[in-house]
Amino acid sequence: MLRAGIIATKIGNSSYYSQDGTNNQVTVLKVEECVVSNIKTSDKHGYNAVQLATIDTKKDISKIKKPQRKIYSSNNISPKKILKEFRVDNKNILEIGTKLNVNHFKVDQFVDASSISIGKGFAGVMKRHNFGGLRASHGVSISHRSHGSTGQNQDPGRVFKGKKMAGRMGNKKVTKQNLKIIDIDSEKNLLIIKGSVPGKKNSVVYVKDSVKK
């Protein structure tokens, strides 16, 4: 069953003590009010989806591009920073103007969280791909942390695409699956999720029902 997720902001990490005294490392997510700003149907668009808008922007509506401006003005919604589509089933298509909050999920439910991971800049193969490196003995001339040979001889005579080499690390979309919600604060609109969630502080996180559980 596919249903809409929600858009949250990562506040940071903390410790959470449950009633039996066990200590869990958790990630705290803040959920601003998510408003359904548009819907897509299989008859008209070829697929079913719900578009959510969240986080008010300080921009004047005249400064917003026309396609987005039409979404807000036609639905009497204040301009938002983020628009995100979630694929849904026929039964889970919501009406435009429907508002979602933290109570969209339940305690002890499993979710998948997606965000842009923390960028670590240009990294070598030992940090980026966990290579062992070259020998640290005599004869290895100042290349202990290098990746060694990458290509072949005359046939095929090139480096294959996707070869594990040094390069930019992080700063890409990461989805972490099967994260457990251990508490929900409805008053402060907080989701308390066990474990780590991708992204740095104040980054936008997309949370939806777990695919595998």
Foldseek 3Di string as FASTA:
>chain_A
DFAAFAKWFWAAWDWDADPVGDIFIWTKTFGFKWFFQDWDDCVPHNFTKTKIFDAADPDDLVPDDDVQSCSCVVLVHHDGDDIDIGGGDPVHRDDGGDIDFPVVDDAFFWKKKKFFADWDFWDFLCVAVVDPFQDPDPPPPPGRRADPDADDPVVVGDGDPPGRGIGIHTRGMDMDGGWGFHDADPVRRMTITGDDHGDDGRTMMIMGGGPVD
